[in-house]
């Protein structure tokens, strides 16, 4: 049988090329995968982003432990997933949150 796949990397970090400036800590979407920038990346540049881990973000409303959460790129906040939303799911809340409070999110889970 011929070899179909070749291991490249663990996948906790991936390198991406960005089309706009990204600050360290910014959430970026790579297709359907949420990532967090490790460092600032200038427009057109390549940089490493985290694709897993636990991150503290600001809640745009009430969020319960175990809720799937979505990311709103226009205000930089997360919210509990609601069917029909156009914002991407980025992970699962591991702490509860209230509007404008901090919430810990397990990324891509």
Foldseek 3Di string as FASTA:
>chain_A
DDDDDDDDDPQQKDKDAAQAWDAQQAWDDDDLFIWGFNHIAHHRGIGITGRWDKDKFFAQAWDAFFFFWFADPVVGHIYGDDPPDPTHGFFTWHHIDGHRGITIGGGPD
